[in-house]
Amino acid sequence: MTYMNDLQALRPDDSQPTPLYLQLARNLESAIHSGQWKAEQAMPSERNLSEQLGISRVTARKALEVLLDQGLIRRLQGSGTFITPRLEQPLSRLSGFSEMLRLKGFVPSSQWLEREITLPTHEELIRLSLSPNDKVARMKRLRKADDTVMAIEMSTLPASIMPKPHLVGDSLYEYLDGIGKPIVRALQHIQAINASEEFAALVGIAPGTAMLLMTRVGYLEDNTPIEVTDTYCRNDYYDFVAELRR
């Protein structure tokens, strides 16, 4: 946590040609990315920034507006300005949700909604190369970063791989690694959808709000598919990043 005495390190340098508000915005951005504030934590107000750093309220306001435009912070009417929990997930690297959050400085957690052994759907039969009499482990949960709901995740695996889904902790991939069934390759598709009333209520958004649906099929080393996961991500909290070269 950053206390007021620590704000002095964010003071802009008036001897530099760069406008003070841009200097302050960059310093605040660096502090956010380095984890000095956690997701959903309150930011210092314009007044506090002005008084602590010896700058004008206009400079403080313009710096915060830069962060608002970048989606790094958000304002709640009557409550203040807060850090936006936002994830940049690279599309070139296979990682589980928990691993990705830890790399970004968040604390991952899950709220389980369903864990059961059941019959597969027709689509699951095809994607997991199952026989009609095979059963699957189906799991549904809320994925959280620092206790903020980021996504709804629905995973299906063959029951032969996961006969006891209640043994899975916060990380499915860590569980699979532990039983000697690591997922080493995945195909992933991303599409935009509108939140249903159920999903909107679960993640705290209005029905019809845009969400990102990420569908992943995970494979073992021998190319056996063992995971189908649909992740419904909050559009305002997620960025998917791909590096392109030529």
C-alpha atoms as a PDB file:
ATOM      1  CA  MET A   1       0.000   0.000   0.000  1.00  0.00           C
ATOM      2  CA  THR A   2       1.190   3.521  -0.794  1.00  0.00           C
ATOM      3  CA  TYR A   3       0.830   5.986   2.090  1.00  0.00           C
ATOM      4  CA  MET A   4       0.901   9.748   1.758  1.00  0.00           C
ATOM      5  CA  ASN A   5       4.569   9.999   2.717  1.00  0.00           C
ATOM      6  CA  ASP A   6       5.391   7.670  -0.165  1.00  0.00           C
ATOM      7  CA  LEU A   7       3.711   9.972  -2.667  1.00  0.00           C
ATOM      8  CA  GLN A   8       6.764  12.201  -2.708  1.00  0.00           C
ATOM      9  CA  ALA A   9       8.430   9.757  -5.119  1.00  0.00           C
ATOM     10  CA  LEU A  10       5.681  10.558  -7.625  1.00  0.00           C
ATOM     11  CA  ARG A  11       6.337  14.298  -7.660  1.00  0.00           C
ATOM     12  CA  PRO A  12       6.803  15.640 -11.234  1.00  0.00           C
ATOM     13  CA  ASP A  13       9.974  17.571 -12.073  1.00  0.00           C
ATOM     14  CA  ASP A  14       9.200  21.120 -13.206  1.00  0.00           C
ATOM     15  CA  SER A  15      12.673  21.440 -14.749  1.00  0.00           C
ATOM     16  CA  GLN A  16      11.727  18.881 -17.409  1.00  0.00           C
ATOM     17  CA  PRO A  17      10.073  19.916 -20.707  1.00  0.00           C
ATOM     18  CA  THR A  18       7.346  17.258 -20.389  1.00  0.00           C
ATOM     19  CA  PRO A  19       4.094  18.743 -18.982  1.00  0.00           C
ATOM     20  CA  LEU A  20       3.697  18.139 -15.265  1.00  0.00           C
ATOM     21  CA  TYR A  21       0.400  16.296 -15.631  1.00  0.00           C
ATOM     22  CA  LEU A  22       1.954  13.795 -18.081  1.00  0.00           C
ATOM     23  CA  GLN A  23       4.901  13.236 -15.756  1.00  0.00           C
ATOM     24  CA  LEU A  24       2.535  12.624 -12.874  1.00  0.00           C
ATOM     25  CA  ALA A  25       0.340  10.316 -14.974  1.00  0.00           C
ATOM     26  CA  ARG A  26       3.376   8.235 -15.948  1.00  0.00           C
ATOM     27  CA  ASN A  27       4.603   8.094 -12.361  1.00  0.00           C
ATOM     28  CA  LEU A  28       1.171   6.994 -11.155  1.00  0.00           C
ATOM     29  CA  GLU A  29       0.955   4.422 -13.941  1.00  0.00           C
ATOM     30  CA  SER A  30       4.336   2.972 -12.924  1.00  0.00           C
ATOM     31  CA  ALA A  31       3.233   2.831  -9.290  1.00  0.00           C
ATOM     32  CA  ILE A  32       0.052   0.972 -10.261  1.00  0.00           C
ATOM     33  CA  HIS A  33       1.900  -1.548 -12.426  1.00  0.00           C
ATOM     34  CA  SER A  34       4.477  -2.147  -9.698  1.00  0.00           C
ATOM     35  CA  GLY A  35       1.700  -3.125  -7.270  1.00  0.00           C
ATOM     36  CA  GLN A  36       1.827  -0.126  -4.920  1.00  0.00           C
ATOM     37  CA  TRP A  37      -1.969  -0.108  -5.088  1.00  0.00           C
ATOM     38  CA  LYS A  38      -4.065  -3.248  -5.277  1.00  0.00           C
ATOM     39  CA  ALA A  39      -7.131  -3.817  -7.432  1.00  0.00           C
ATOM     40  CA  GLU A  40     -10.192  -1.907  -6.150  1.00  0.00           C
ATOM     41  CA  GLN A  41      -8.051   0.097  -3.700  1.00  0.00           C
ATOM     42  CA  ALA A  42      -8.830   3.807  -3.461  1.00  0.00           C
ATOM     43  CA  MET A  43      -6.471   6.226  -5.192  1.00  0.00           C
ATOM     44  CA  PRO A  44      -5.378   9.502  -3.553  1.00  0.00           C
ATOM     45  CA  SER A  45      -7.846  12.255  -4.398  1.00  0.00           C
ATOM     46  CA  GLU A  46      -7.038  15.299  -6.535  1.00  0.00           C
ATOM     47  CA  ARG A  47      -6.851  17.313  -3.357  1.00  0.00           C
ATOM     48  CA  ASN A  48      -4.424  14.896  -1.670  1.00  0.00           C
ATOM     49  CA  LEU A  49      -2.190  14.729  -4.726  1.00  0.00           C
ATOM     50  CA  SER A  50      -2.187  18.512  -4.973  1.00  0.00           C
ATOM     51  CA  GLU A  51      -1.362  19.078  -1.311  1.00  0.00           C
ATOM     52  CA  GLN A  52       1.190  16.275  -0.951  1.00  0.00           C
ATOM     53  CA  LEU A  53       3.061  16.975  -4.195  1.00  0.00           C
ATOM     54  CA  GLY A  54       2.817  20.760  -4.245  1.00  0.00           C
ATOM     55  CA  ILE A  55       1.032  20.847  -7.605  1.00  0.00           C
ATOM     56  CA  SER A  56      -2.186  22.479  -8.759  1.00  0.00           C
ATOM     57  CA  ARG A  57      -5.546  20.721  -8.610  1.00  0.00           C
ATOM     58  CA  VAL A  58      -5.735  21.120 -12.402  1.00  0.00           C
ATOM     59  CA  THR A  59      -2.468  19.174 -12.845  1.00  0.00           C
ATOM     60  CA  ALA A  60      -3.687  16.421 -10.536  1.00  0.00           C
ATOM     61  CA  ARG A  61      -7.060  16.272 -12.298  1.00  0.00           C
ATOM     62  CA  LYS A  62      -5.517  16.046 -15.773  1.00  0.00           C
ATOM     63  CA  ALA A  63      -3.138  13.288 -14.647  1.00  0.00           C
ATOM     64  CA  LEU A  64      -6.037  11.230 -13.264  1.00  0.00           C
ATOM     65  CA  GLU A  65      -7.987  11.792 -16.480  1.00  0.00           C
ATOM     66  CA  VAL A  66      -5.089  10.220 -18.406  1.00  0.00           C
ATOM     67  CA  LEU A  67      -5.333   7.143 -16.184  1.00  0.00           C
ATOM     68  CA  LEU A  68      -9.114   7.064 -16.665  1.00  0.00           C
ATOM     69  CA  ASP A  69      -8.669   7.110 -20.433  1.00  0.00           C
ATOM     70  CA  GLN A  70      -6.213   4.219 -20.147  1.00  0.00           C
ATOM     71  CA  GLY A  71      -8.681   2.211 -18.066  1.00  0.00           C
ATOM     72  CA  LEU A  72      -6.257   1.972 -15.134  1.00  0.00           C
ATOM     73  CA  ILE A  73      -8.647   3.643 -12.695  1.00  0.00           C
ATOM     74  CA  ARG A  74     -12.388   4.202 -12.447  1.00  0.00           C
ATOM     75  CA  ARG A  75     -14.569   6.689 -10.608  1.00  0.00           C
ATOM     76  CA  LEU A  76     -17.544   5.751  -8.469  1.00  0.00           C
ATOM     77  CA  GLN A  77     -19.972   8.591  -7.889  1.00  0.00           C
ATOM     78  CA  GLY A  78     -19.768   9.731  -4.287  1.00  0.00           C
ATOM     79  CA  SER A  79     -17.107   7.157  -3.370  1.00  0.00           C
ATOM     80  CA  GLY A  80     -13.868   8.201  -5.048  1.00  0.00           C
ATOM     81  CA  THR A  81     -11.370   6.860  -7.574  1.00  0.00           C
ATOM     82  CA  PHE A  82     -10.290   3.220  -7.516  1.00  0.00           C
ATOM     83  CA  ILE A  83      -7.740   0.961  -9.202  1.00  0.00           C
ATOM     84  CA  THR A  84      -9.278  -1.058 -12.019  1.00  0.00           C
ATOM     85  CA  PRO A  85      -8.391  -4.750 -11.881  1.00  0.00           C
ATOM     86  CA  ARG A  86      -7.214  -5.217 -15.465  1.00  0.00           C
ATOM     87  CA  LEU A  87      -5.352  -8.114 -17.011  1.00  0.00           C
ATOM     88  CA  GLU A  88      -3.254  -8.241 -20.147  1.00  0.00           C
ATOM     89  CA  GLN A  89      -3.160 -11.876 -21.207  1.00  0.00           C
ATOM     90  CA  PRO A  90      -0.612 -12.720 -23.926  1.00  0.00           C
ATOM     91  CA  LEU A  91      -2.046 -14.989 -26.598  1.00  0.00           C
ATOM     92  CA  SER A  92       1.341 -16.541 -27.354  1.00  0.00           C
ATOM     93  CA  ARG A  93       1.820 -18.238 -23.947  1.00  0.00           C
ATOM     94  CA  LEU A  94      -0.161 -21.094 -22.423  1.00  0.00           C
ATOM     95  CA  SER A  95      -0.858 -20.452 -18.753  1.00  0.00           C
ATOM     96  CA  GLY A  96      -3.606 -21.062 -16.257  1.00  0.00           C
ATOM     97  CA  PHE A  97      -5.676 -18.261 -14.753  1.00  0.00           C
ATOM     98  CA  SER A  98      -4.011 -18.513 -11.334  1.00  0.00           C
ATOM     99  CA  GLU A  99      -0.496 -18.439 -12.776  1.00  0.00           C
ATOM    100  CA  MET A 100      -1.357 -15.418 -14.926  1.00  0.00           C
ATOM    101  CA  LEU A 101      -2.764 -13.511 -11.944  1.00  0.00           C
ATOM    102  CA  ARG A 102       0.264 -14.216  -9.765  1.00  0.00           C
ATOM    103  CA  LEU A 103       2.591 -12.981 -12.517  1.00  0.00           C
ATOM    104  CA  LYS A 104       0.600  -9.725 -12.586  1.00  0.00           C
ATOM    105  CA  GLY A 105       0.778  -9.288  -8.811  1.00  0.00           C
ATOM    106  CA  PHE A 106      -2.811 -10.299  -8.019  1.00  0.00           C
ATOM    107  CA  VAL A 107      -3.973 -12.871  -5.477  1.00  0.00           C
ATOM    108  CA  PRO A 108      -6.084 -15.505  -7.290  1.00  0.00           C
ATOM    109  CA  SER A 109      -9.063 -17.240  -5.732  1.00  0.00           C
ATOM    110  CA  SER A 110     -12.164 -19.136  -6.814  1.00  0.00           C
ATOM    111  CA  GLN A 111     -15.784 -19.366  -5.744  1.00  0.00           C
ATOM    112  CA  TRP A 112     -17.095 -22.754  -6.778  1.00  0.00           C
ATOM    113  CA  LEU A 113     -20.641 -22.874  -8.116  1.00  0.00           C
ATOM    114  CA  GLU A 114     -20.821 -26.455  -9.453  1.00  0.00           C
ATOM    115  CA  ARG A 115     -18.624 -29.578  -9.371  1.00  0.00           C
ATOM    116  CA  GLU A 116     -20.162 -32.812 -10.582  1.00  0.00           C
ATOM    117  CA  ILE A 117     -19.715 -36.018 -12.577  1.00  0.00           C
ATOM    118  CA  THR A 118     -22.252 -36.185 -15.390  1.00  0.00           C
ATOM    119  CA  LEU A 119     -22.864 -37.223 -18.980  1.00  0.00           C
ATOM    120  CA  PRO A 120     -21.202 -35.149 -21.712  1.00  0.00           C
ATOM    121  CA  THR A 121     -23.021 -32.982 -24.203  1.00  0.00           C
ATOM    122  CA  HIS A 122     -22.775 -33.802 -27.913  1.00  0.00           C
ATOM    123  CA  GLU A 123     -20.215 -31.013 -28.366  1.00  0.00           C
ATOM    124  CA  GLU A 124     -18.108 -32.308 -25.459  1.00  0.00           C
ATOM    125  CA  LEU A 125     -18.183 -35.814 -26.948  1.00  0.00           C
ATOM    126  CA  ILE A 126     -16.648 -34.454 -30.122  1.00  0.00           C
ATOM    127  CA  ARG A 127     -14.126 -32.051 -28.590  1.00  0.00           C
ATOM    128  CA  LEU A 128     -12.847 -34.553 -26.025  1.00  0.00           C
ATOM    129  CA  SER A 129     -12.999 -37.584 -28.352  1.00  0.00           C
ATOM    130  CA  LEU A 130     -15.237 -39.469 -25.916  1.00  0.00           C
ATOM    131  CA  SER A 131     -17.551 -42.435 -26.280  1.00  0.00           C
ATOM    132  CA  PRO A 132     -21.296 -41.904 -25.625  1.00  0.00           C
ATOM    133  CA  ASN A 133     -21.105 -43.922 -22.387  1.00  0.00           C
ATOM    134  CA  ASP A 134     -18.160 -41.935 -20.995  1.00  0.00           C
ATOM    135  CA  LYS A 135     -18.752 -39.453 -18.200  1.00  0.00           C
ATOM    136  CA  VAL A 136     -17.181 -36.057 -17.585  1.00  0.00           C
ATOM    137  CA  ALA A 137     -16.271 -33.863 -14.646  1.00  0.00           C
ATOM    138  CA  ARG A 138     -18.015 -30.524 -15.070  1.00  0.00           C
ATOM    139  CA  MET A 139     -16.974 -27.527 -12.969  1.00  0.00           C
ATOM    140  CA  LYS A 140     -18.287 -23.975 -12.806  1.00  0.00           C
ATOM    141  CA  ARG A 141     -16.763 -21.197 -10.743  1.00  0.00           C
ATOM    142  CA  LEU A 142     -16.115 -17.487 -10.383  1.00  0.00           C
ATOM    143  CA  ARG A 143     -12.480 -16.505 -10.911  1.00  0.00           C
ATOM    144  CA  LYS A 144     -11.306 -13.656  -8.694  1.00  0.00           C
ATOM    145  CA  ALA A 145      -8.332 -11.317  -8.507  1.00  0.00           C
ATOM    146  CA  ASP A 146      -7.840  -9.743  -5.069  1.00  0.00           C
ATOM    147  CA  ASP A 147     -11.462 -10.772  -4.314  1.00  0.00           C
ATOM    148  CA  THR A 148     -12.790  -8.984  -7.424  1.00  0.00           C
ATOM    149  CA  VAL A 149     -14.801 -11.209  -9.787  1.00  0.00           C
ATOM    150  CA  MET A 150     -13.027 -11.189 -13.142  1.00  0.00           C
ATOM    151  CA  ALA A 151     -14.654 -14.056 -15.000  1.00  0.00           C
ATOM    152  CA  ILE A 152     -16.985 -17.051 -14.981  1.00  0.00           C
ATOM    153  CA  GLU A 153     -15.212 -20.278 -15.865  1.00  0.00           C
ATOM    154  CA  MET A 154     -16.871 -23.539 -16.955  1.00  0.00           C
ATOM    155  CA  SER A 155     -14.519 -26.513 -17.425  1.00  0.00           C
ATOM    156  CA  THR A 156     -15.203 -30.046 -18.604  1.00  0.00           C
ATOM    157  CA  LEU A 157     -12.719 -32.934 -18.413  1.00  0.00           C
ATOM    158  CA  PRO A 158     -13.073 -36.708 -18.865  1.00  0.00           C
ATOM    159  CA  ALA A 159     -14.083 -38.352 -15.591  1.00  0.00           C
ATOM    160  CA  SER A 160     -11.320 -40.895 -16.240  1.00  0.00           C
ATOM    161  CA  ILE A 161      -8.836 -38.038 -15.789  1.00  0.00           C
ATOM    162  CA  MET A 162     -10.692 -36.332 -12.966  1.00  0.00           C
ATOM    163  CA  PRO A 163     -12.936 -38.723 -11.033  1.00  0.00           C
ATOM    164  CA  LYS A 164     -13.068 -36.405  -7.996  1.00  0.00           C
ATOM    165  CA  PRO A 165     -13.502 -32.776  -9.147  1.00  0.00           C
ATOM    166  CA  HIS A 166     -13.886 -31.601  -5.545  1.00  0.00           C
ATOM    167  CA  LEU A 167     -10.138 -32.166  -5.082  1.00  0.00           C
ATOM    168  CA  VAL A 168      -9.305 -29.280  -7.445  1.00  0.00           C
ATOM    169  CA  GLY A 169      -8.118 -26.160  -5.621  1.00  0.00           C
ATOM    170  CA  ASP A 170      -7.789 -22.672  -7.070  1.00  0.00           C
ATOM    171  CA  SER A 171      -5.670 -23.868 -10.022  1.00  0.00           C
ATOM    172  CA  LEU A 172      -6.899 -26.565 -12.396  1.00  0.00           C
ATOM    173  CA  TYR A 173      -3.565 -26.642 -14.237  1.00  0.00           C
ATOM    174  CA  GLU A 174      -1.600 -27.077 -11.021  1.00  0.00           C
ATOM    175  CA  TYR A 175      -3.890 -29.975 -10.103  1.00  0.00           C
ATOM    176  CA  LEU A 176      -3.336 -31.604 -13.511  1.00  0.00           C
ATOM    177  CA  ASP A 177       0.425 -31.102 -13.158  1.00  0.00           C
ATOM    178  CA  GLY A 178       0.258 -32.805  -9.766  1.00  0.00           C
ATOM    179  CA  ILE A 179      -1.462 -35.943 -11.116  1.00  0.00           C
ATOM    180  CA  GLY A 180       0.943 -36.223 -14.038  1.00  0.00           C
ATOM    181  CA  LYS A 181      -1.478 -34.987 -16.701  1.00  0.00           C
ATOM    182  CA  PRO A 182      -0.084 -31.558 -17.631  1.00  0.00           C
ATOM    183  CA  ILE A 183      -1.699 -29.644 -20.472  1.00  0.00           C
ATOM    184  CA  VAL A 184       1.094 -28.662 -22.844  1.00  0.00           C
ATOM    185  CA  ARG A 185      -0.853 -27.270 -25.810  1.00  0.00           C
ATOM    186  CA  ALA A 186      -4.192 -25.551 -26.304  1.00  0.00           C
ATOM    187  CA  LEU A 187      -6.372 -24.118 -29.040  1.00  0.00           C
ATOM    188  CA  GLN A 188      -8.156 -20.964 -28.000  1.00  0.00           C
ATOM    189  CA  HIS A 189     -10.967 -18.993 -29.600  1.00  0.00           C
ATOM    190  CA  ILE A 190     -12.216 -15.579 -28.460  1.00  0.00           C
ATOM    191  CA  GLN A 191     -15.513 -13.958 -29.352  1.00  0.00           C
ATOM    192  CA  ALA A 192     -17.670 -11.099 -28.110  1.00  0.00           C
ATOM    193  CA  ILE A 193     -21.018 -11.870 -26.495  1.00  0.00           C
ATOM    194  CA  ASN A 194     -23.668 -10.014 -24.498  1.00  0.00           C
ATOM    195  CA  ALA A 195     -24.052 -10.939 -20.846  1.00  0.00           C
ATOM    196  CA  SER A 196     -27.122 -12.957 -19.944  1.00  0.00           C
ATOM    197  CA  GLU A 197     -29.073 -12.017 -16.835  1.00  0.00           C
ATOM    198  CA  GLU A 198     -27.454 -14.919 -14.947  1.00  0.00           C
ATOM    199  CA  PHE A 199     -23.892 -14.028 -15.919  1.00  0.00           C
ATOM    200  CA  ALA A 200     -24.463 -10.304 -15.406  1.00  0.00           C
ATOM    201  CA  ALA A 201     -25.642 -10.954 -11.843  1.00  0.00           C
ATOM    202  CA  LEU A 202     -22.651 -13.210 -11.123  1.00  0.00           C
ATOM    203  CA  VAL A 203     -20.004 -10.681 -12.187  1.00  0.00           C
ATOM    204  CA  GLY A 204     -21.836  -7.481 -11.210  1.00  0.00           C
ATOM    205  CA  ILE A 205     -22.612  -5.883 -14.577  1.00  0.00           C
ATOM    206  CA  ALA A 206     -25.791  -4.902 -16.405  1.00  0.00           C
ATOM    207  CA  PRO A 207     -27.525  -7.541 -18.556  1.00  0.00           C
ATOM    208  CA  GLY A 208     -26.560  -7.154 -22.196  1.00  0.00           C
ATOM    209  CA  THR A 209     -23.130  -5.714 -21.361  1.00  0.00           C
ATOM    210  CA  ALA A 210     -20.343  -6.909 -23.664  1.00  0.00           C
ATOM    211  CA  MET A 211     -18.256  -9.815 -22.402  1.00  0.00           C
ATOM    212  CA  LEU A 212     -15.438 -11.841 -23.958  1.00  0.00           C
ATOM    213  CA  LEU A 213     -15.976 -15.577 -24.318  1.00  0.00           C
ATOM    214  CA  MET A 214     -12.694 -17.486 -24.425  1.00  0.00           C
ATOM    215  CA  THR A 215     -13.044 -21.154 -25.386  1.00  0.00           C
ATOM    216  CA  ARG A 216      -9.996 -23.353 -24.824  1.00  0.00           C
ATOM    217  CA  VAL A 217      -9.338 -26.977 -25.698  1.00  0.00           C
ATOM    218  CA  GLY A 218      -6.280 -28.306 -23.866  1.00  0.00           C
ATOM    219  CA  TYR A 219      -4.134 -31.257 -24.948  1.00  0.00           C
ATOM    220  CA  LEU A 220      -1.690 -33.653 -23.324  1.00  0.00           C
ATOM    221  CA  GLU A 221       1.771 -34.339 -24.726  1.00  0.00           C
ATOM    222  CA  ASP A 222       0.358 -37.165 -26.883  1.00  0.00           C
ATOM    223  CA  ASN A 223      -2.253 -34.779 -28.387  1.00  0.00           C
ATOM    224  CA  THR A 224      -5.130 -36.252 -26.374  1.00  0.00           C
ATOM    225  CA  PRO A 225      -7.713 -33.526 -25.655  1.00  0.00           C
ATOM    226  CA  ILE A 226      -8.650 -33.518 -21.956  1.00  0.00           C
ATOM    227  CA  GLU A 227      -9.979 -30.009 -21.246  1.00  0.00           C
ATOM    228  CA  VAL A 228     -12.733 -27.839 -22.649  1.00  0.00           C
ATOM    229  CA  THR A 229     -13.041 -24.542 -20.802  1.00  0.00           C
ATOM    230  CA  ASP A 230     -15.373 -21.646 -21.549  1.00  0.00           C
ATOM    231  CA  THR A 231     -14.304 -18.482 -19.734  1.00  0.00           C
ATOM    232  CA  TYR A 232     -16.690 -15.528 -19.752  1.00  0.00           C
ATOM    233  CA  CYS A 233     -14.503 -12.496 -19.079  1.00  0.00           C
ATOM    234  CA  ARG A 234     -15.492  -9.013 -18.019  1.00  0.00           C
ATOM    235  CA  ASN A 235     -14.710  -6.853 -21.029  1.00  0.00           C
ATOM    236  CA  ASP A 236     -13.708  -3.882 -18.854  1.00  0.00           C
ATOM    237  CA  TYR A 237     -11.119  -5.941 -16.954  1.00  0.00           C
ATOM    238  CA  TYR A 238      -9.456  -7.910 -19.753  1.00  0.00           C
ATOM    239  CA  ASP A 239      -7.057  -7.200 -22.603  1.00  0.00           C
ATOM    240  CA  PHE A 240      -5.713  -9.919 -24.877  1.00  0.00           C
ATOM    241  CA  VAL A 241      -2.340  -9.057 -26.355  1.00  0.00           C
ATOM    242  CA  ALA A 242      -0.619 -10.623 -29.377  1.00  0.00           C
ATOM    243  CA  GLU A 243       2.868  -9.745 -30.590  1.00  0.00           C
ATOM    244  CA  LEU A 244       3.141  -9.683 -34.375  1.00  0.00           C
ATOM    245  CA  ARG A 245       6.341  -9.827 -36.414  1.00  0.00           C
ATOM    246  CA  ARG A 246       7.281  -9.744 -40.080  1.00  0.00           C
END
